[in-house]
Amino acid sequence: METVKEYQKEDLTVLWNPKKCIHAGVCVKTLPKVYDPKAKPWITPEHASKEAIKHQIDHCPSGALSYRES
């Protein structure tokens, strides 16, 4: 079973599947205040707008990042 980590911002949940991640760095380069691989947690969606996060996730080359709106 794959482990998927969840990070919440209001009604948006960022999902990260580490097994799919190819570490291309697109997320870190696009939104460095949200994605910091040295921090715990490494994804802090409260540091960007929902629109910016969704736009960045749509460009994740591996599909390791996705989102769910509630």
PDB file of N, CA and C in Angstrom:
ATOM      1  N   MET A   1       0.841  -1.192   0.000  1.00  0.00           N
ATOM      2  CA  MET A   1       0.000   0.000   0.000  1.00  0.00           C
ATOM      3  C   MET A   1       0.882   1.250   0.000  1.00  0.00           C
ATOM      4  N   GLU A   2       0.507   2.224  -0.829  1.00  0.00           N
ATOM      5  CA  GLU A   2       1.281   3.455  -0.917  1.00  0.00           C
ATOM      6  C   GLU A   2       0.884   4.419   0.192  1.00  0.00           C
ATOM      7  N   THR A   3       1.877   5.070   0.744  1.00  0.00           N
ATOM      8  CA  THR A   3       1.634   6.087   1.758  1.00  0.00           C
ATOM      9  C   THR A   3       1.497   7.430   1.066  1.00  0.00           C
ATOM     10  N   VAL A   4       0.393   8.101   1.313  1.00  0.00           N
ATOM     11  CA  VAL A   4       0.163   9.438   0.766  1.00  0.00           C
ATOM     12  C   VAL A   4       0.015  10.384   1.949  1.00  0.00           C
ATOM     13  N   LYS A   5       0.815  11.422   1.950  1.00  0.00           N
ATOM     14  CA  LYS A   5       0.773  12.414   3.027  1.00  0.00           C
ATOM     15  C   LYS A   5      -0.186  13.531   2.633  1.00  0.00           C
ATOM     16  N   GLU A   6      -0.879  14.068   3.636  1.00  0.00           N
ATOM     17  CA  GLU A   6      -1.858  15.129   3.390  1.00  0.00           C
ATOM     18  C   GLU A   6      -1.487  16.391   4.166  1.00  0.00           C
ATOM     19  N   TYR A   7      -1.665  17.537   3.493  1.00  0.00           N
ATOM     20  CA  TYR A   7      -1.378  18.844   4.082  1.00  0.00           C
ATOM     21  C   TYR A   7      -2.576  19.737   3.795  1.00  0.00           C
ATOM     22  N   GLN A   8      -3.156  20.339   4.833  1.00  0.00           N
ATOM     23  CA  GLN A   8      -4.427  21.059   4.729  1.00  0.00           C
ATOM     24  C   GLN A   8      -4.250  22.571   4.666  1.00  0.00           C
ATOM     25  N   LYS A   9      -5.046  23.211   3.798  1.00  0.00           N
ATOM     26  CA  LYS A   9      -5.188  24.675   3.773  1.00  0.00           C
ATOM     27  C   LYS A   9      -6.659  24.955   3.507  1.00  0.00           C
ATOM     28  N   GLU A  10      -7.358  25.390   4.521  1.00  0.00           N
ATOM     29  CA  GLU A  10      -8.786  25.676   4.409  1.00  0.00           C
ATOM     30  C   GLU A  10      -9.497  24.474   3.792  1.00  0.00           C
ATOM     31  N   ASP A  11     -10.139  24.642   2.628  1.00  0.00           N
ATOM     32  CA  ASP A  11     -10.857  23.532   2.004  1.00  0.00           C
ATOM     33  C   ASP A  11     -10.041  22.836   0.912  1.00  0.00           C
ATOM     34  N   LEU A  12      -8.737  23.054   0.914  1.00  0.00           N
ATOM     35  CA  LEU A  12      -7.836  22.418  -0.049  1.00  0.00           C
ATOM     36  C   LEU A  12      -6.889  21.482   0.693  1.00  0.00           C
ATOM     37  N   THR A  13      -6.799  20.253   0.229  1.00  0.00           N
ATOM     38  CA  THR A  13      -5.859  19.293   0.795  1.00  0.00           C
ATOM     39  C   THR A  13      -4.811  18.973  -0.262  1.00  0.00           C
ATOM     40  N   VAL A  14      -3.538  19.216   0.055  1.00  0.00           N
ATOM     41  CA  VAL A  14      -2.433  18.857  -0.823  1.00  0.00           C
ATOM     42  C   VAL A  14      -2.041  17.424  -0.484  1.00  0.00           C
ATOM     43  N   LEU A  15      -1.968  16.585  -1.503  1.00  0.00           N
ATOM     44  CA  LEU A  15      -1.604  15.184  -1.337  1.00  0.00           C
ATOM     45  C   LEU A  15      -0.237  14.958  -1.961  1.00  0.00           C
ATOM     46  N   TRP A  16       0.629  14.267  -1.243  1.00  0.00           N
ATOM     47  CA  TRP A  16       1.971  13.967  -1.755  1.00  0.00           C
ATOM     48  C   TRP A  16       2.227  12.471  -1.639  1.00  0.00           C
ATOM     49  N   ASN A  17       2.555  11.860  -2.773  1.00  0.00           N
ATOM     50  CA  ASN A  17       2.891  10.445  -2.822  1.00  0.00           C
ATOM     51  C   ASN A  17       4.405  10.326  -3.006  1.00  0.00           C
ATOM     52  N   PRO A  18       5.155  10.067  -1.918  1.00  0.00           N
ATOM     53  CA  PRO A  18       6.618  10.046  -2.017  1.00  0.00           C
ATOM     54  C   PRO A  18       7.161   8.997  -2.976  1.00  0.00           C
ATOM     55  N   LYS A  19       6.449   7.895  -3.185  1.00  0.00           N
ATOM     56  CA  LYS A  19       6.951   6.852  -4.096  1.00  0.00           C
ATOM     57  C   LYS A  19       6.913   7.291  -5.551  1.00  0.00           C
ATOM     58  N   LYS A  20       6.047   8.236  -5.883  1.00  0.00           N
ATOM     59  CA  LYS A  20       5.957   8.746  -7.255  1.00  0.00           C
ATOM     60  C   LYS A  20       6.928   9.895  -7.507  1.00  0.00           C
ATOM     61  N   CYS A  21       7.401  10.521  -6.436  1.00  0.00           N
ATOM     62  CA  CYS A  21       8.209  11.739  -6.551  1.00  0.00           C
ATOM     63  C   CYS A  21       9.551  11.450  -7.220  1.00  0.00           C
ATOM     64  N   ILE A  22       9.882  12.231  -8.267  1.00  0.00           N
ATOM     65  CA  ILE A  22      11.167  12.084  -8.956  1.00  0.00           C
ATOM     66  C   ILE A  22      12.134  13.214  -8.568  1.00  0.00           C
ATOM     67  N   HIS A  23      11.732  14.037  -7.616  1.00  0.00           N
ATOM     68  CA  HIS A  23      12.566  15.124  -7.087  1.00  0.00           C
ATOM     69  C   HIS A  23      13.063  16.070  -8.186  1.00  0.00           C
ATOM     70  N   ALA A  24      12.161  16.399  -9.110  1.00  0.00           N
ATOM     71  CA  ALA A  24      12.499  17.324 -10.193  1.00  0.00           C
ATOM     72  C   ALA A  24      12.693  18.744  -9.668  1.00  0.00           C
ATOM     73  N   GLY A  25      12.075  19.051  -8.532  1.00  0.00           N
ATOM     74  CA  GLY A  25      12.252  20.366  -7.915  1.00  0.00           C
ATOM     75  C   GLY A  25      11.340  21.445  -8.448  1.00  0.00           C
ATOM     76  N   VAL A  26      10.401  21.084  -9.318  1.00  0.00           N
ATOM     77  CA  VAL A  26       9.485  22.090  -9.867  1.00  0.00           C
ATOM     78  C   VAL A  26       8.702  22.764  -8.744  1.00  0.00           C
ATOM     79  N   CYS A  27       8.259  22.003  -7.778  1.00  0.00           N
ATOM     80  CA  CYS A  27       7.483  22.570  -6.669  1.00  0.00           C
ATOM     81  C   CYS A  27       8.314  23.565  -5.869  1.00  0.00           C
ATOM     82  N   VAL A  28       9.534  23.182  -5.538  1.00  0.00           N
ATOM     83  CA  VAL A  28      10.410  24.036  -4.725  1.00  0.00           C
ATOM     84  C   VAL A  28      10.769  25.312  -5.485  1.00  0.00           C
ATOM     85  N   LYS A  29      11.052  25.188  -6.776  1.00  0.00           N
ATOM     86  CA  LYS A  29      11.413  26.361  -7.577  1.00  0.00           C
ATOM     87  C   LYS A  29      10.221  27.284  -7.787  1.00  0.00           C
ATOM     88  N   THR A  30       9.020  26.714  -7.917  1.00  0.00           N
ATOM     89  CA  THR A  30       7.828  27.514  -8.183  1.00  0.00           C
ATOM     90  C   THR A  30       7.313  28.204  -6.919  1.00  0.00           C
ATOM     91  N   LEU A  31       7.230  27.466  -5.818  1.00  0.00           N
ATOM     92  CA  LEU A  31       6.692  28.004  -4.562  1.00  0.00           C
ATOM     93  C   LEU A  31       7.617  27.645  -3.397  1.00  0.00           C
ATOM     94  N   PRO A  32       8.774  28.301  -3.302  1.00  0.00           N
ATOM     95  CA  PRO A  32       9.730  27.947  -2.245  1.00  0.00           C
ATOM     96  C   PRO A  32       9.233  28.217  -0.827  1.00  0.00           C
ATOM     97  N   LYS A  33       8.248  29.088  -0.663  1.00  0.00           N
ATOM     98  CA  LYS A  33       7.710  29.325   0.684  1.00  0.00           C
ATOM     99  C   LYS A  33       6.763  28.211   1.101  1.00  0.00           C
ATOM    100  N   VAL A  34       6.247  27.457   0.147  1.00  0.00           N
ATOM    101  CA  VAL A  34       5.344  26.342   0.435  1.00  0.00           C
ATOM    102  C   VAL A  34       6.112  25.030   0.556  1.00  0.00           C
ATOM    103  N   TYR A  35       7.071  24.811  -0.350  1.00  0.00           N
ATOM    104  CA  TYR A  35       7.808  23.545  -0.403  1.00  0.00           C
ATOM    105  C   TYR A  35       9.248  23.765   0.042  1.00  0.00           C
ATOM    106  N   ASP A  36       9.587  23.247   1.203  1.00  0.00           N
ATOM    107  CA  ASP A  36      10.944  23.362   1.746  1.00  0.00           C
ATOM    108  C   ASP A  36      11.392  21.980   2.197  1.00  0.00           C
ATOM    109  N   PRO A  37      12.193  21.282   1.374  1.00  0.00           N
ATOM    110  CA  PRO A  37      12.581  19.908   1.702  1.00  0.00           C
ATOM    111  C   PRO A  37      13.361  19.757   3.010  1.00  0.00           C
ATOM    112  N   LYS A  38      13.903  20.858   3.528  1.00  0.00           N
ATOM    113  CA  LYS A  38      14.668  20.776   4.783  1.00  0.00           C
ATOM    114  C   LYS A  38      13.793  20.976   6.012  1.00  0.00           C
ATOM    115  N   ALA A  39      12.557  21.402   5.817  1.00  0.00           N
ATOM    116  CA  ALA A  39      11.662  21.697   6.939  1.00  0.00           C
ATOM    117  C   ALA A  39      10.766  20.502   7.272  1.00  0.00           C
ATOM    118  N   LYS A  40      10.217  20.523   8.452  1.00  0.00           N
ATOM    119  CA  LYS A  40       9.227  19.532   8.883  1.00  0.00           C
ATOM    120  C   LYS A  40       8.020  20.281   9.412  1.00  0.00           C
ATOM    121  N   PRO A  41       6.839  20.199   8.838  1.00  0.00           N
ATOM    122  CA  PRO A  41       6.575  19.493   7.586  1.00  0.00           C
ATOM    123  C   PRO A  41       7.169  20.249   6.397  1.00  0.00           C
ATOM    124  N   TRP A  42       7.465  19.538   5.347  1.00  0.00           N
ATOM    125  CA  TRP A  42       8.131  20.171   4.201  1.00  0.00           C
ATOM    126  C   TRP A  42       7.147  20.898   3.290  1.00  0.00           C
ATOM    127  N   ILE A  43       5.845  20.619   3.432  1.00  0.00           N
ATOM    128  CA  ILE A  43       4.822  21.334   2.672  1.00  0.00           C
ATOM    129  C   ILE A  43       3.981  22.163   3.644  1.00  0.00           C
ATOM    130  N   THR A  44       3.973  23.479   3.442  1.00  0.00           N
ATOM    131  CA  THR A  44       3.180  24.384   4.275  1.00  0.00           C
ATOM    132  C   THR A  44       2.284  25.216   3.345  1.00  0.00           C
ATOM    133  N   PRO A  45       1.121  24.665   2.998  1.00  0.00           N
ATOM    134  CA  PRO A  45       0.262  25.335   2.017  1.00  0.00           C
ATOM    135  C   PRO A  45      -0.289  26.679   2.466  1.00  0.00           C
ATOM    136  N   GLU A  46      -0.190  26.991   3.752  1.00  0.00           N
ATOM    137  CA  GLU A  46      -0.691  28.286   4.217  1.00  0.00           C
ATOM    138  C   GLU A  46       0.145  29.460   3.701  1.00  0.00           C
ATOM    139  N   HIS A  47       1.283  29.182   3.061  1.00  0.00           N
ATOM    140  CA  HIS A  47       2.175  30.246   2.588  1.00  0.00           C
ATOM    141  C   HIS A  47       1.932  30.672   1.144  1.00  0.00           C
ATOM    142  N   ALA A  48       0.804  30.228   0.550  1.00  0.00           N
ATOM    143  CA  ALA A  48       0.463  30.656  -0.812  1.00  0.00           C
ATOM    144  C   ALA A  48      -1.047  30.571  -0.984  1.00  0.00           C
ATOM    145  N   SER A  49      -1.521  31.202  -2.025  1.00  0.00           N
ATOM    146  CA  SER A  49      -2.957  31.144  -2.304  1.00  0.00           C
ATOM    147  C   SER A  49      -3.329  29.759  -2.831  1.00  0.00           C
ATOM    148  N   LYS A  50      -4.581  29.413  -2.672  1.00  0.00           N
ATOM    149  CA  LYS A  50      -5.051  28.124  -3.193  1.00  0.00           C
ATOM    150  C   LYS A  50      -4.841  28.046  -4.699  1.00  0.00           C
ATOM    151  N   GLU A  51      -5.076  29.149  -5.392  1.00  0.00           N
ATOM    152  CA  GLU A  51      -4.917  29.164  -6.842  1.00  0.00           C
ATOM    153  C   GLU A  51      -3.466  28.898  -7.238  1.00  0.00           C
ATOM    154  N   ALA A  52      -2.520  29.514  -6.533  1.00  0.00           N
ATOM    155  CA  ALA A  52      -1.098  29.310  -6.829  1.00  0.00           C
ATOM    156  C   ALA A  52      -0.699  27.858  -6.572  1.00  0.00           C
ATOM    157  N   ILE A  53      -1.189  27.287  -5.493  1.00  0.00           N
ATOM    158  CA  ILE A  53      -0.862  25.897  -5.169  1.00  0.00           C
ATOM    159  C   ILE A  53      -1.441  24.950  -6.209  1.00  0.00           C
ATOM    160  N   LYS A  54      -2.692  25.153  -6.587  1.00  0.00           N
ATOM    161  CA  LYS A  54      -3.316  24.284  -7.585  1.00  0.00           C
ATOM    162  C   LYS A  54      -2.582  24.391  -8.921  1.00  0.00           C
ATOM    163  N   HIS A  55      -2.212  25.608  -9.302  1.00  0.00           N
ATOM    164  CA  HIS A  55      -1.477  25.812 -10.559  1.00  0.00           C
ATOM    165  C   HIS A  55      -0.135  25.070 -10.525  1.00  0.00           C
ATOM    166  N   GLN A  56       0.574  25.182  -9.410  1.00  0.00           N
ATOM    167  CA  GLN A  56       1.864  24.502  -9.288  1.00  0.00           C
ATOM    168  C   GLN A  56       1.676  22.990  -9.343  1.00  0.00           C
ATOM    169  N   ILE A  57       0.697  22.455  -8.622  1.00  0.00           N
ATOM    170  CA  ILE A  57       0.466  21.011  -8.594  1.00  0.00           C
ATOM    171  C   ILE A  57       0.122  20.493  -9.986  1.00  0.00           C
ATOM    172  N   ASP A  58      -0.608  21.273 -10.755  1.00  0.00           N
ATOM    173  CA  ASP A  58      -0.951  20.870 -12.124  1.00  0.00           C
ATOM    174  C   ASP A  58       0.287  20.712 -13.005  1.00  0.00           C
ATOM    175  N   HIS A  59       1.423  21.269 -12.588  1.00  0.00           N
ATOM    176  CA  HIS A  59       2.662  21.180 -13.357  1.00  0.00           C
ATOM    177  C   HIS A  59       3.679  20.202 -12.757  1.00  0.00           C
ATOM    178  N   CYS A  60       3.270  19.413 -11.777  1.00  0.00           N
ATOM    179  CA  CYS A  60       4.167  18.419 -11.181  1.00  0.00           C
ATOM    180  C   CYS A  60       4.451  17.341 -12.227  1.00  0.00           C
ATOM    181  N   PRO A  61       5.721  17.162 -12.636  1.00  0.00           N
ATOM    182  CA  PRO A  61       6.021  16.243 -13.735  1.00  0.00           C
ATOM    183  C   PRO A  61       5.785  14.764 -13.416  1.00  0.00           C
ATOM    184  N   SER A  62       5.841  14.378 -12.164  1.00  0.00           N
ATOM    185  CA  SER A  62       5.696  12.963 -11.818  1.00  0.00           C
ATOM    186  C   SER A  62       4.286  12.580 -11.399  1.00  0.00           C
ATOM    187  N   GLY A  63       3.472  13.586 -11.068  1.00  0.00           N
ATOM    188  CA  GLY A  63       2.146  13.295 -10.534  1.00  0.00           C
ATOM    189  C   GLY A  63       2.166  12.952  -9.056  1.00  0.00           C
ATOM    190  N   ALA A  64       3.301  13.172  -8.401  1.00  0.00           N
ATOM    191  CA  ALA A  64       3.415  12.874  -6.967  1.00  0.00           C
ATOM    192  C   ALA A  64       2.570  13.822  -6.134  1.00  0.00           C
ATOM    193  N   LEU A  65       2.360  15.032  -6.633  1.00  0.00           N
ATOM    194  CA  LEU A  65       1.515  16.005  -5.945  1.00  0.00           C
ATOM    195  C   LEU A  65       0.145  16.056  -6.607  1.00  0.00           C
ATOM    196  N   SER A  66      -0.862  16.082  -5.783  1.00  0.00           N
ATOM    197  CA  SER A  66      -2.233  16.260  -6.263  1.00  0.00           C
ATOM    198  C   SER A  66      -2.980  17.030  -5.190  1.00  0.00           C
ATOM    199  N   TYR A  67      -4.231  17.338  -5.440  1.00  0.00           N
ATOM    200  CA  TYR A  67      -5.013  18.056  -4.435  1.00  0.00           C
ATOM    201  C   TYR A  67      -6.460  17.597  -4.475  1.00  0.00           C
ATOM    202  N   ARG A  68      -7.120  17.858  -3.371  1.00  0.00           N
ATOM    203  CA  ARG A  68      -8.529  17.556  -3.218  1.00  0.00           C
ATOM    204  C   ARG A  68      -9.194  18.766  -2.592  1.00  0.00           C
ATOM    205  N   GLU A  69     -10.322  19.173  -3.136  1.00  0.00           N
ATOM    206  CA  GLU A  69     -11.064  20.285  -2.555  1.00  0.00           C
ATOM    207  C   GLU A  69     -12.294  19.743  -1.857  1.00  0.00           C
ATOM    208  N   SER A  70     -12.584  20.288  -0.687  1.00  0.00           N
ATOM    209  CA  SER A  70     -13.760  19.808   0.058  1.00  0.00           C
ATOM    210  C   SER A  70     -14.774  20.905   0.233  1.00  0.00           C
TER     211      SER A  70
END
